[in-house]
């Protein structure tokens, strides 16, 4: 008889265990981040101690003497987030950015606009793919420029971040509306900008073309503002049911 009791494990935990069981002691495995890393290390710590793990940065095994310039996996960094206290010198290229709290001009509504999510969405208006939000550190942005990016592109990204800081300052100083502004409404789609009606307290130009480079080349977002929290709580999964993995 099948028990109707609710499982004590999550779907992610179940898939991680199933994936780890598929790995053999002699395997050479290229490791991704998140659940793939957990599955590979579970195999290494249980039935496959001789497995060879190769991470995205080219690092082999989980205890490198020196961290590579490009690290995207917390397993390798281990305690390296506490810079200077880790076993290996910390030289990771992803920058973990966190908004400073307690500024004199900050207000609750201005603080809302300066949270990681609005900043990440506003970066889209400047023509960049948004950075990772709240991973691996909650309340932060993880900025990961690739080694192939030219200096001019990195400068353009830096200019965008400086400009967004100025937009936040305008909110803090009361120059921009505290709840209806370029950050809380970002990103701005082409459909919204060219529509007949425009009820925002800022210009269409500021919304869609905030920098000189966006006038020369514009990458438009396909959708506007979405409720991220609602999406996180109401997932639409197209994968097989968890029960199918139990066999």
Protein backbone atom coordinates (compact mmCIF):
# COMPACT_ATOMS: atom_id res chain seq x y z
CA UNK A 1 0.00 0.00 0.00
CA UNK A 2 1.30 3.42 -0.92
CA UNK A 3 1.64 5.83 1.98
CA UNK A 4 -0.13 9.18 1.67
CA UNK A 5 2.28 10.88 4.07
CA UNK A 6 4.00 13.95 2.73
CA UNK A 7 7.67 13.29 1.80
CA UNK A 8 10.26 14.70 4.19
CA UNK A 9 12.44 15.77 1.25
CA UNK A 10 12.08 18.45 -1.42
CA UNK A 11 11.95 17.79 -5.17
CA UNK A 12 15.40 19.35 -5.54
CA UNK A 13 16.82 17.07 -2.84
CA UNK A 14 15.27 14.04 -4.52
CA UNK A 15 16.73 14.92 -7.93
CA UNK A 16 20.12 15.66 -6.37
CA UNK A 17 20.26 12.20 -4.77
CA UNK A 18 19.12 10.49 -7.99
CA UNK A 19 21.77 12.37 -9.99
CA UNK A 20 24.50 11.49 -7.49
CA UNK A 21 23.67 7.78 -7.74
CA UNK A 22 24.27 7.91 -11.50
CA UNK A 23 27.91 8.89 -10.96
CA UNK A 24 30.62 6.24 -10.66
CA UNK A 25 33.89 6.26 -8.77
CA UNK A 26 35.98 6.41 -11.94
CA UNK A 27 33.94 9.12 -13.69
CA UNK A 28 35.32 12.45 -14.86
CA UNK A 29 32.51 14.97 -14.33
CA UNK A 30 32.20 18.57 -15.48
CA UNK A 31 30.40 20.32 -12.65
CA UNK A 32 27.81 23.08 -12.87
CA UNK A 33 26.68 25.24 -9.97
CA UNK A 34 23.82 24.65 -7.58
CA UNK A 35 22.16 21.21 -7.62
CA UNK A 36 24.71 19.69 -10.06
CA UNK A 37 27.51 20.65 -7.69
CA UNK A 38 25.60 19.21 -4.74
CA UNK A 39 25.00 15.93 -6.61
CA UNK A 40 28.64 15.56 -7.61
CA UNK A 41 29.93 16.29 -4.13
CA UNK A 42 27.36 13.96 -2.57
CA UNK A 43 28.72 11.20 -4.80
CA UNK A 44 32.30 12.12 -3.87
CA UNK A 45 31.52 12.01 -0.15
CA UNK A 46 29.62 8.71 -0.28
CA UNK A 47 30.12 6.02 -2.92
CA UNK A 48 32.51 7.68 -5.42
CA UNK A 49 35.53 9.11 -3.54
CA UNK A 50 37.70 8.75 -6.63
CA UNK A 51 35.51 10.80 -8.95
CA UNK A 52 37.29 13.64 -10.77
CA UNK A 53 35.38 16.93 -10.64
CA UNK A 54 36.20 19.69 -13.13
CA UNK A 55 34.56 23.04 -12.42
CA UNK A 56 33.55 25.74 -14.91
CA UNK A 57 36.72 27.72 -14.17
CA UNK A 58 38.93 24.75 -15.06
CA UNK A 59 39.66 23.89 -11.44
CA UNK A 60 40.09 20.18 -10.76
CA UNK A 61 38.86 18.82 -7.40
CA UNK A 62 37.38 20.85 -4.54
CA UNK A 63 40.42 22.09 -2.62
CA UNK A 64 42.52 24.27 -4.95
CA UNK A 65 45.61 25.93 -3.52
CA UNK A 66 44.77 29.15 -5.39
CA UNK A 67 41.32 30.13 -6.57
CA UNK A 68 41.15 30.90 -10.31
CA UNK A 69 40.29 34.39 -11.50
CA UNK A 70 36.81 33.22 -12.48
CA UNK A 71 34.84 31.42 -9.77
CA UNK A 72 31.10 30.88 -9.83
CA UNK A 73 30.71 28.06 -7.34
CA UNK A 74 30.48 28.37 -3.58
CA UNK A 75 31.87 24.86 -3.06
CA UNK A 76 35.26 26.00 -4.32
CA UNK A 77 35.18 29.33 -2.52
CA UNK A 78 34.23 27.54 0.70
CA UNK A 79 35.08 30.17 3.34
CA UNK A 80 36.65 32.52 0.80
CA UNK A 81 33.78 34.99 1.17
CA UNK A 82 35.52 36.00 4.41
CA UNK A 83 38.42 37.49 2.52
CA UNK A 84 41.77 36.97 4.17
CA UNK A 85 40.54 34.12 6.37
CA UNK A 86 40.21 31.43 3.74
CA UNK A 87 42.63 28.59 3.19
CA UNK A 88 43.22 29.78 -0.37
CA UNK A 89 43.92 33.33 -1.62
CA UNK A 90 40.61 34.81 -2.79
CA UNK A 91 40.88 36.13 -6.34
CA UNK A 92 37.38 35.66 -7.71
CA UNK A 93 36.26 37.78 -10.65
CA UNK A 94 32.50 37.96 -9.86
CA UNK A 95 31.98 41.11 -7.82
CA UNK A 96 29.48 40.82 -4.96
CA UNK A 97 27.84 44.23 -4.62
CA UNK A 98 25.66 45.22 -1.67
CA UNK A 99 23.85 48.52 -1.10
CA UNK A 100 25.10 50.43 1.90
CA UNK A 101 22.53 50.81 4.64
CA UNK A 102 22.00 53.69 6.99
CA UNK A 103 22.73 56.57 4.62
CA UNK A 104 21.57 59.97 5.82
CA UNK A 105 19.28 60.58 2.85
CA UNK A 106 17.76 57.13 2.71
CA UNK A 107 14.01 56.75 3.20
CA UNK A 108 11.95 53.52 3.25
CA UNK A 109 10.63 54.13 -0.25
CA UNK A 110 14.02 55.18 -1.59
CA UNK A 111 15.48 52.05 -0.02
CA UNK A 112 12.95 49.98 -1.95
CA UNK A 113 14.19 51.41 -5.25
CA UNK A 114 17.80 50.72 -4.28
CA UNK A 115 17.27 47.05 -3.50
CA UNK A 116 19.05 44.54 -5.75
CA UNK A 117 16.00 43.60 -7.88
CA UNK A 118 15.07 47.14 -9.08
CA UNK A 119 18.72 47.86 -9.83
CA UNK A 120 19.07 44.62 -11.79
CA UNK A 121 15.90 45.39 -13.77
CA UNK A 122 17.04 48.95 -14.48
CA UNK A 123 20.36 47.64 -15.83
CA UNK A 124 18.31 46.04 -18.62
CA UNK A 125 17.27 49.52 -19.80
CA UNK A 126 20.97 50.33 -20.22
CA UNK A 127 21.37 47.39 -22.59
CA UNK A 128 22.91 44.79 -20.29
CA UNK A 129 21.84 41.36 -19.12
CA UNK A 130 20.88 41.74 -15.45
CA UNK A 131 23.29 40.30 -12.87
CA UNK A 132 22.45 37.46 -10.51
CA UNK A 133 20.37 38.69 -7.56
CA UNK A 134 20.81 37.46 -3.97
CA UNK A 135 23.21 34.62 -4.81
CA UNK A 136 25.45 33.49 -3.29
CA UNK A 137 24.88 36.26 -0.71
CA UNK A 138 21.29 37.43 0.04
CA UNK A 139 20.55 41.05 -0.77
CA UNK A 140 23.41 41.43 -3.26
CA UNK A 141 24.16 41.60 -6.97
CA UNK A 142 26.75 39.21 -8.40
CA UNK A 143 28.40 40.89 -11.39
CA UNK A 144 30.29 38.46 -13.61
CA UNK A 145 31.97 40.07 -16.63
CA UNK A 146 33.56 37.48 -18.90
CA UNK A 147 37.26 37.55 -19.64
CA UNK A 148 36.52 38.29 -23.30
CA UNK A 149 34.75 41.61 -22.65
CA UNK A 150 36.67 44.59 -24.09
CA UNK A 151 37.60 47.50 -21.87
CA UNK A 152 35.15 49.80 -23.65
CA UNK A 153 32.25 47.48 -22.77
CA UNK A 154 33.33 47.26 -19.13
CA UNK A 155 33.56 51.06 -19.02
CA UNK A 156 30.05 51.30 -20.46
CA UNK A 157 28.78 48.97 -17.75
CA UNK A 158 30.53 50.97 -15.05
CA UNK A 159 28.98 54.17 -16.42
CA UNK A 160 25.55 52.53 -16.26
CA UNK A 161 26.01 51.61 -12.59
CA UNK A 162 27.17 55.16 -11.79
CA UNK A 163 24.14 56.58 -13.61
CA UNK A 164 21.77 54.26 -11.72
CA UNK A 165 23.33 55.40 -8.45
CA UNK A 166 22.48 58.94 -9.54
CA UNK A 167 18.88 57.89 -10.20
CA UNK A 168 18.69 56.44 -6.69
CA UNK A 169 20.11 59.66 -5.27
CA UNK A 170 17.38 61.64 -7.06
CA UNK A 171 14.81 59.51 -5.23
CA UNK A 172 16.57 59.98 -1.90
CA UNK A 173 16.68 63.75 -2.36
CA UNK A 174 13.05 64.02 -3.46
CA UNK A 175 13.86 64.97 -7.07
CA UNK A 176 12.10 61.83 -8.34
CA UNK A 177 8.87 60.23 -7.18
CA UNK A 178 9.51 57.72 -4.43
CA UNK A 179 7.20 54.98 -5.70
CA UNK A 180 6.78 55.78 -9.40
CA UNK A 181 10.24 56.13 -10.89
CA UNK A 182 12.63 54.65 -13.43
CA UNK A 183 13.79 51.94 -11.02
CA UNK A 184 10.46 50.74 -9.64
CA UNK A 185 9.02 50.60 -13.18
CA UNK A 186 12.04 49.08 -14.93
CA UNK A 187 12.54 47.54 -17.38
CA UNK A 188 10.76 49.58 -20.05
CA UNK A 189 9.62 47.77 -23.21
CA UNK A 190 9.33 49.26 -26.67
CA UNK A 191 5.55 48.79 -26.52
CA UNK A 192 5.26 50.91 -23.38
CA UNK A 193 7.50 53.67 -24.70
CA UNK A 194 5.79 54.09 -28.08
CA UNK A 195 2.25 53.78 -26.71
CA UNK A 196 -0.03 56.80 -27.10
CA UNK A 197 -0.48 57.16 -23.38
CA UNK A 198 2.37 57.87 -20.98
CA UNK A 199 1.51 58.51 -17.34
CA UNK A 200 4.99 58.28 -15.82
CA UNK A 201 6.47 61.33 -14.05
CA UNK A 202 9.66 61.00 -16.11
CA UNK A 203 10.31 61.17 -19.83
CA UNK A 204 10.20 58.34 -22.32
CA UNK A 205 13.76 59.17 -23.25
CA UNK A 206 14.98 58.67 -19.68
CA UNK A 207 13.05 55.41 -19.50
CA UNK A 208 14.36 53.80 -22.67
CA UNK A 209 17.48 55.74 -23.68
CA UNK A 210 19.19 56.65 -20.39
CA UNK A 211 22.71 56.73 -21.85
CA UNK A 212 24.35 57.84 -25.12
CA UNK A 213 25.25 54.24 -25.98
CA UNK A 214 21.59 53.17 -25.89
CA UNK A 215 20.86 55.68 -28.65
CA UNK A 216 23.46 53.99 -30.86
CA UNK A 217 22.50 50.41 -30.01
CA UNK A 218 19.40 49.43 -28.08
CA UNK A 219 18.61 45.97 -26.73
CA UNK A 220 14.91 45.95 -25.87
CA UNK A 221 13.45 43.77 -23.09
CA UNK A 222 10.62 41.55 -24.26
CA UNK A 223 8.56 41.98 -21.09
CA UNK A 224 8.17 44.75 -18.54
CA UNK A 225 7.93 44.59 -14.78
CA UNK A 226 6.89 41.24 -13.34
CA UNK A 227 6.11 40.13 -9.81
CA UNK A 228 9.22 38.05 -9.12
CA UNK A 229 8.07 36.92 -5.69
CA UNK A 230 4.77 35.64 -7.12
CA UNK A 231 6.65 33.75 -9.81
CA UNK A 232 8.97 32.17 -7.26
CA UNK A 233 6.00 30.95 -5.21
CA UNK A 234 3.96 29.73 -8.20
CA UNK A 235 6.34 27.72 -10.35
CA UNK A 236 5.19 26.23 -13.63
CA UNK A 237 7.15 23.00 -14.01
CA UNK A 238 7.28 21.07 -17.30
CA UNK A 239 9.46 18.27 -15.91
CA UNK A 240 8.15 14.79 -14.95
CA UNK A 241 6.55 14.46 -11.49
CA UNK A 242 8.89 13.81 -8.58
CA UNK A 243 7.37 10.36 -8.07
CA UNK A 244 8.80 9.22 -11.41
CA UNK A 245 12.34 9.59 -10.04
CA UNK A 246 11.73 7.23 -7.10
CA UNK A 247 12.09 4.13 -9.27
